[in-house]
Amino acid sequence: MKKPTPENMSAAAAPTPVTGATPFGPIGPGNDNGKLFSVNPGVPIGDALEKASCILAAALDVLWDMGTDAVRGSEEPWAVFFLVEMSKAVVDSVWDAGNCLHGAYESADSAQGATA
């Protein structure tokens, strides 16, 4: 067995986890054409989760305004709904991609254990 060095460790480095394609946002009642929006595949999960956090912060701001009566209008619940739906899609995408990658990491670990 070779001693680990930076040169041979970088060649066997685990792939960067990324998002998977996750459609969301139904088009409307009576329309079976699927979803209107999608989380793009291939986005690094750190970037995706940072964006989800920002979207959730915006949803919290709207909820705060609704709860403190700072803003009154019928559009606020819909704004919160869409903001939460977007951030949920990002988290679902990371989760789905993570499950696929988890199997890949197990395979890589098994292969390393077989050579050790």
C-alpha atoms as a PDB file:
ATOM      1  CA  MET A   1       0.000   0.000   0.000  1.00  0.00           C
ATOM      2  CA  LYS A   2       1.279   3.446  -0.921  1.00  0.00           C
ATOM      3  CA  LYS A   3       1.717   6.116   1.708  1.00  0.00           C
ATOM      4  CA  PRO A   4      -0.846   8.933   1.183  1.00  0.00           C
ATOM      5  CA  THR A   5       0.701  12.086  -0.269  1.00  0.00           C
ATOM      6  CA  PRO A   6      -0.909  15.295  -1.523  1.00  0.00           C
ATOM      7  CA  GLU A   7      -0.236  14.159  -5.101  1.00  0.00           C
ATOM      8  CA  ASN A   8      -1.964  10.774  -4.886  1.00  0.00           C
ATOM      9  CA  MET A   9      -4.697  12.014  -2.524  1.00  0.00           C
ATOM     10  CA  SER A  10      -5.844  14.752  -4.926  1.00  0.00           C
ATOM     11  CA  ALA A  11      -6.354  12.187  -7.672  1.00  0.00           C
ATOM     12  CA  ALA A  12      -8.703  10.201  -5.425  1.00  0.00           C
ATOM     13  CA  ALA A  13     -10.514  13.216  -3.964  1.00  0.00           C
ATOM     14  CA  ALA A  14     -14.263  12.860  -3.611  1.00  0.00           C
ATOM     15  CA  PRO A  15     -16.369  14.734  -6.157  1.00  0.00           C
ATOM     16  CA  THR A  16     -17.880  18.057  -5.114  1.00  0.00           C
ATOM     17  CA  PRO A  17     -21.505  17.424  -4.110  1.00  0.00           C
ATOM     18  CA  VAL A  18     -23.944  19.230  -6.399  1.00  0.00           C
ATOM     19  CA  THR A  19     -27.684  19.671  -6.771  1.00  0.00           C
ATOM     20  CA  GLY A  20     -29.900  17.484  -8.894  1.00  0.00           C
ATOM     21  CA  ALA A  21     -32.721  18.665 -11.165  1.00  0.00           C
ATOM     22  CA  THR A  22     -35.802  19.279  -9.008  1.00  0.00           C
ATOM     23  CA  PRO A  23     -38.920  20.667 -10.681  1.00  0.00           C
ATOM     24  CA  PHE A  24     -41.383  22.675  -8.572  1.00  0.00           C
ATOM     25  CA  GLY A  25     -44.273  25.115  -8.940  1.00  0.00           C
ATOM     26  CA  PRO A  26     -47.330  23.451 -10.431  1.00  0.00           C
ATOM     27  CA  ILE A  27     -48.606  25.308 -13.481  1.00  0.00           C
ATOM     28  CA  GLY A  28     -52.208  25.321 -12.311  1.00  0.00           C
ATOM     29  CA  PRO A  29     -55.408  23.373 -11.853  1.00  0.00           C
ATOM     30  CA  GLY A  30     -56.345  21.228 -14.824  1.00  0.00           C
ATOM     31  CA  ASN A  31     -52.889  21.536 -16.357  1.00  0.00           C
ATOM     32  CA  ASP A  32     -50.994  18.243 -16.347  1.00  0.00           C
ATOM     33  CA  ASN A  33     -47.906  19.643 -18.074  1.00  0.00           C
ATOM     34  CA  GLY A  34     -45.804  19.377 -14.932  1.00  0.00           C
ATOM     35  CA  LYS A  35     -43.960  22.119 -13.136  1.00  0.00           C
ATOM     36  CA  LEU A  36     -43.090  25.654 -14.206  1.00  0.00           C
ATOM     37  CA  PHE A  37     -39.739  26.047 -12.407  1.00  0.00           C
ATOM     38  CA  SER A  38     -36.756  23.837 -11.625  1.00  0.00           C
ATOM     39  CA  VAL A  39     -33.624  23.836  -9.516  1.00  0.00           C
ATOM     40  CA  ASN A  40     -30.753  23.446 -11.964  1.00  0.00           C
ATOM     41  CA  PRO A  41     -28.570  20.366 -11.632  1.00  0.00           C
ATOM     42  CA  GLY A  42     -24.846  20.734 -11.037  1.00  0.00           C
ATOM     43  CA  VAL A  43     -24.856  23.682  -8.620  1.00  0.00           C
ATOM     44  CA  PRO A  44     -22.420  23.192  -5.698  1.00  0.00           C
ATOM     45  CA  ILE A  45     -24.517  22.414  -2.620  1.00  0.00           C
ATOM     46  CA  GLY A  46     -22.877  25.150  -0.546  1.00  0.00           C
ATOM     47  CA  ASP A  47     -24.044  27.769  -3.057  1.00  0.00           C
ATOM     48  CA  ALA A  48     -27.503  26.193  -3.273  1.00  0.00           C
ATOM     49  CA  LEU A  49     -27.972  26.083   0.492  1.00  0.00           C
ATOM     50  CA  GLU A  50     -26.777  29.681   0.851  1.00  0.00           C
ATOM     51  CA  LYS A  51     -29.459  30.748  -1.664  1.00  0.00           C
ATOM     52  CA  ALA A  52     -32.097  28.682   0.183  1.00  0.00           C
ATOM     53  CA  SER A  53     -31.104  30.415   3.414  1.00  0.00           C
ATOM     54  CA  CYS A  54     -31.533  33.846   1.804  1.00  0.00           C
ATOM     55  CA  ILE A  55     -34.952  32.872   0.423  1.00  0.00           C
ATOM     56  CA  LEU A  56     -36.048  31.625   3.840  1.00  0.00           C
ATOM     57  CA  ALA A  57     -34.821  34.877   5.431  1.00  0.00           C
ATOM     58  CA  ALA A  58     -37.040  36.811   3.018  1.00  0.00           C
ATOM     59  CA  ALA A  59     -39.983  34.574   3.945  1.00  0.00           C
ATOM     60  CA  LEU A  60     -39.319  35.244   7.626  1.00  0.00           C
ATOM     61  CA  ASP A  61     -39.270  38.998   6.973  1.00  0.00           C
ATOM     62  CA  VAL A  62     -42.667  38.795   5.269  1.00  0.00           C
ATOM     63  CA  LEU A  63     -44.061  36.665   8.101  1.00  0.00           C
ATOM     64  CA  TRP A  64     -42.745  39.158  10.659  1.00  0.00           C
ATOM     65  CA  ASP A  65     -44.451  42.012   8.817  1.00  0.00           C
ATOM     66  CA  MET A  66     -47.688  40.037   8.673  1.00  0.00           C
ATOM     67  CA  GLY A  67     -47.515  39.197  12.372  1.00  0.00           C
ATOM     68  CA  THR A  68     -46.745  42.732  13.497  1.00  0.00           C
ATOM     69  CA  ASP A  69     -49.298  44.334  11.164  1.00  0.00           C
ATOM     70  CA  ALA A  70     -46.531  46.442   9.626  1.00  0.00           C
ATOM     71  CA  VAL A  71     -47.922  45.591   6.200  1.00  0.00           C
ATOM     72  CA  ARG A  72     -51.518  44.673   5.406  1.00  0.00           C
ATOM     73  CA  GLY A  73     -52.523  43.034   2.163  1.00  0.00           C
ATOM     74  CA  SER A  74     -53.740  39.783   0.722  1.00  0.00           C
ATOM     75  CA  GLU A  75     -50.540  39.092  -1.233  1.00  0.00           C
ATOM     76  CA  GLU A  76     -48.297  38.352   1.763  1.00  0.00           C
ATOM     77  CA  PRO A  77     -49.427  34.752   2.346  1.00  0.00           C
ATOM     78  CA  TRP A  78     -48.800  33.988  -1.326  1.00  0.00           C
ATOM     79  CA  ALA A  79     -45.366  35.600  -1.145  1.00  0.00           C
ATOM     80  CA  VAL A  80     -44.453  33.404   1.818  1.00  0.00           C
ATOM     81  CA  PHE A  81     -45.849  30.326   0.076  1.00  0.00           C
ATOM     82  CA  PHE A  82     -43.719  30.869  -3.045  1.00  0.00           C
ATOM     83  CA  LEU A  83     -40.575  31.762  -1.088  1.00  0.00           C
ATOM     84  CA  VAL A  84     -40.872  28.638   1.047  1.00  0.00           C
ATOM     85  CA  GLU A  85     -41.667  26.506  -2.018  1.00  0.00           C
ATOM     86  CA  MET A  86     -38.492  27.754  -3.741  1.00  0.00           C
ATOM     87  CA  SER A  87     -36.259  27.115  -0.752  1.00  0.00           C
ATOM     88  CA  LYS A  88     -37.818  23.671  -0.202  1.00  0.00           C
ATOM     89  CA  ALA A  89     -37.018  22.768  -3.814  1.00  0.00           C
ATOM     90  CA  VAL A  90     -33.373  23.750  -3.287  1.00  0.00           C
ATOM     91  CA  VAL A  91     -33.107  21.681  -0.090  1.00  0.00           C
ATOM     92  CA  ASP A  92     -34.887  18.731  -1.770  1.00  0.00           C
ATOM     93  CA  SER A  93     -32.451  18.953  -4.668  1.00  0.00           C
ATOM     94  CA  VAL A  94     -29.454  18.848  -2.321  1.00  0.00           C
ATOM     95  CA  TRP A  95     -31.020  15.953  -0.400  1.00  0.00           C
ATOM     96  CA  ASP A  96     -31.764  13.957  -3.569  1.00  0.00           C
ATOM     97  CA  ALA A  97     -28.287  14.533  -4.963  1.00  0.00           C
ATOM     98  CA  GLY A  98     -26.760  13.714  -1.576  1.00  0.00           C
ATOM     99  CA  ASN A  99     -28.507  10.351  -1.487  1.00  0.00           C
ATOM    100  CA  CYS A 100     -27.054   9.488  -4.882  1.00  0.00           C
ATOM    101  CA  LEU A 101     -23.603  10.659  -3.847  1.00  0.00           C
ATOM    102  CA  HIS A 102     -23.835   8.757  -0.566  1.00  0.00           C
ATOM    103  CA  GLY A 103     -23.858   5.503  -2.526  1.00  0.00           C
ATOM    104  CA  ALA A 104     -20.873   6.706  -4.547  1.00  0.00           C
ATOM    105  CA  TYR A 105     -18.953   7.494  -1.350  1.00  0.00           C
ATOM    106  CA  GLU A 106     -19.775   4.055   0.064  1.00  0.00           C
ATOM    107  CA  SER A 107     -18.463   2.443  -3.129  1.00  0.00           C
ATOM    108  CA  ALA A 108     -15.276   4.520  -2.961  1.00  0.00           C
ATOM    109  CA  ASP A 109     -14.821   3.634   0.711  1.00  0.00           C
ATOM    110  CA  SER A 110     -15.314  -0.064  -0.036  1.00  0.00           C
ATOM    111  CA  ALA A 111     -12.775   0.088  -2.838  1.00  0.00           C
ATOM    112  CA  GLN A 112     -10.241   1.828  -0.590  1.00  0.00           C
ATOM    113  CA  GLY A 113     -10.852  -0.742   2.146  1.00  0.00           C
ATOM    114  CA  ALA A 114     -10.251  -3.557  -0.342  1.00  0.00           C
ATOM    115  CA  THR A 115      -6.866  -2.099  -1.304  1.00  0.00           C
ATOM    116  CA  ALA A 116      -5.783  -1.320   2.247  1.00  0.00           C
END
